[in-house]
């Protein structure tokens, strides 16, 4: 959860998707860092690559916008 990701500028598609993820569905090393949270919010690129995991939905949208992405909620 604390690994930096270089969002870079190589991809011209600036849409990312934000979705809720159950902590139980994540790898053990990520679950250990979740600090008791039951759900996290993932930011995914258009091709499905997970770019980030954060604890709050609003934070996922802020993170995307700060990196010049247009976040879209996935249900």
C-alpha atoms as a PDB file:
ATOM      1  CA  UNK A   1       0.000   0.000   0.000  1.00  0.00           C
ATOM      2  CA  UNK A   2       2.945   2.344   0.470  1.00  0.00           C
ATOM      3  CA  UNK A   3       4.669   1.729  -2.856  1.00  0.00           C
ATOM      4  CA  UNK A   4       5.041   4.759  -5.083  1.00  0.00           C
ATOM      5  CA  UNK A   5       3.741   4.440  -8.628  1.00  0.00           C
ATOM      6  CA  UNK A   6       5.008   6.518 -11.526  1.00  0.00           C
ATOM      7  CA  UNK A   7       1.798   7.575 -13.258  1.00  0.00           C
ATOM      8  CA  UNK A   8       3.880   8.878 -16.175  1.00  0.00           C
ATOM      9  CA  UNK A   9       2.613  10.594 -19.282  1.00  0.00           C
ATOM     10  CA  UNK A  10       3.023   7.786 -21.834  1.00  0.00           C
ATOM     11  CA  UNK A  11      -0.659   6.809 -21.872  1.00  0.00           C
ATOM     12  CA  UNK A  12      -2.919   9.300 -23.599  1.00  0.00           C
ATOM     13  CA  UNK A  13      -6.086   7.748 -22.114  1.00  0.00           C
ATOM     14  CA  UNK A  14      -6.613   9.822 -18.980  1.00  0.00           C
ATOM     15  CA  UNK A  15      -9.633   7.923 -17.611  1.00  0.00           C
ATOM     16  CA  UNK A  16      -9.203   5.772 -14.510  1.00  0.00           C
ATOM     17  CA  UNK A  17     -11.762   3.678 -12.702  1.00  0.00           C
ATOM     18  CA  UNK A  18     -12.424   3.702  -8.958  1.00  0.00           C
ATOM     19  CA  UNK A  19     -13.977   0.656  -7.360  1.00  0.00           C
ATOM     20  CA  UNK A  20     -14.479  -0.822  -3.910  1.00  0.00           C
ATOM     21  CA  UNK A  21     -12.340  -3.860  -3.078  1.00  0.00           C
ATOM     22  CA  UNK A  22     -12.891  -6.216  -0.133  1.00  0.00           C
ATOM     23  CA  UNK A  23      -9.694  -6.465   1.897  1.00  0.00           C
ATOM     24  CA  UNK A  24     -10.264 -10.231   2.192  1.00  0.00           C
ATOM     25  CA  UNK A  25      -9.819 -10.489  -1.613  1.00  0.00           C
ATOM     26  CA  UNK A  26      -6.362  -8.886  -1.552  1.00  0.00           C
ATOM     27  CA  UNK A  27      -2.959 -10.564  -1.145  1.00  0.00           C
ATOM     28  CA  UNK A  28      -1.829 -11.210   2.419  1.00  0.00           C
ATOM     29  CA  UNK A  29       0.905  -8.547   2.380  1.00  0.00           C
ATOM     30  CA  UNK A  30      -1.702  -5.917   1.481  1.00  0.00           C
ATOM     31  CA  UNK A  31      -4.208  -7.201   4.057  1.00  0.00           C
ATOM     32  CA  UNK A  32      -1.518  -6.830   6.726  1.00  0.00           C
ATOM     33  CA  UNK A  33      -1.218  -3.117   5.877  1.00  0.00           C
ATOM     34  CA  UNK A  34      -4.971  -2.448   5.780  1.00  0.00           C
ATOM     35  CA  UNK A  35      -5.025  -1.662   9.516  1.00  0.00           C
ATOM     36  CA  UNK A  36      -8.423  -3.193  10.223  1.00  0.00           C
ATOM     37  CA  UNK A  37     -10.241  -1.817   7.187  1.00  0.00           C
ATOM     38  CA  UNK A  38     -12.807  -4.135   5.600  1.00  0.00           C
ATOM     39  CA  UNK A  39     -12.814  -2.378   2.218  1.00  0.00           C
ATOM     40  CA  UNK A  40     -10.333  -0.298   0.261  1.00  0.00           C
ATOM     41  CA  UNK A  41     -10.761   1.649  -2.960  1.00  0.00           C
ATOM     42  CA  UNK A  42      -8.739   0.767  -6.022  1.00  0.00           C
ATOM     43  CA  UNK A  43      -7.796   3.082  -8.863  1.00  0.00           C
ATOM     44  CA  UNK A  44      -7.463   1.157 -12.148  1.00  0.00           C
ATOM     45  CA  UNK A  45      -6.218   2.199 -15.569  1.00  0.00           C
ATOM     46  CA  UNK A  46      -8.422   1.692 -18.615  1.00  0.00           C
ATOM     47  CA  UNK A  47      -6.689  -1.638 -19.317  1.00  0.00           C
ATOM     48  CA  UNK A  48      -7.432  -2.907 -15.794  1.00  0.00           C
ATOM     49  CA  UNK A  49      -4.039  -2.385 -14.160  1.00  0.00           C
ATOM     50  CA  UNK A  50      -4.389  -1.495 -10.479  1.00  0.00           C
ATOM     51  CA  UNK A  51      -2.571   1.795  -9.957  1.00  0.00           C
ATOM     52  CA  UNK A  52      -3.382   2.509  -6.320  1.00  0.00           C
ATOM     53  CA  UNK A  53      -5.233   1.324  -3.223  1.00  0.00           C
ATOM     54  CA  UNK A  54      -6.518   3.826  -0.685  1.00  0.00           C
ATOM     55  CA  UNK A  55      -8.750   3.708   2.373  1.00  0.00           C
ATOM     56  CA  UNK A  56     -11.374   6.238   1.329  1.00  0.00           C
ATOM     57  CA  UNK A  57     -13.395   6.648  -1.859  1.00  0.00           C
ATOM     58  CA  UNK A  58     -12.955  10.421  -1.888  1.00  0.00           C
ATOM     59  CA  UNK A  59      -9.198   9.994  -1.562  1.00  0.00           C
ATOM     60  CA  UNK A  60      -9.172   7.767  -4.658  1.00  0.00           C
ATOM     61  CA  UNK A  61     -10.851  10.533  -6.667  1.00  0.00           C
ATOM     62  CA  UNK A  62      -8.502  13.199  -5.297  1.00  0.00           C
ATOM     63  CA  UNK A  63      -5.461  11.050  -6.075  1.00  0.00           C
ATOM     64  CA  UNK A  64      -6.634  10.524  -9.642  1.00  0.00           C
ATOM     65  CA  UNK A  65      -7.320  14.218 -10.217  1.00  0.00           C
ATOM     66  CA  UNK A  66      -3.982  15.264  -8.693  1.00  0.00           C
ATOM     67  CA  UNK A  67      -2.327  13.086 -11.321  1.00  0.00           C
ATOM     68  CA  UNK A  68      -4.369  14.598 -14.175  1.00  0.00           C
ATOM     69  CA  UNK A  69      -6.684  11.614 -14.554  1.00  0.00           C
ATOM     70  CA  UNK A  70     -10.454  11.696 -14.948  1.00  0.00           C
ATOM     71  CA  UNK A  71     -11.866   9.254 -12.354  1.00  0.00           C
ATOM     72  CA  UNK A  72     -15.031   7.270 -13.022  1.00  0.00           C
ATOM     73  CA  UNK A  73     -16.838   5.166 -10.399  1.00  0.00           C
ATOM     74  CA  UNK A  74     -17.366   1.478 -11.130  1.00  0.00           C
ATOM     75  CA  UNK A  75     -20.209  -0.288  -9.355  1.00  0.00           C
END
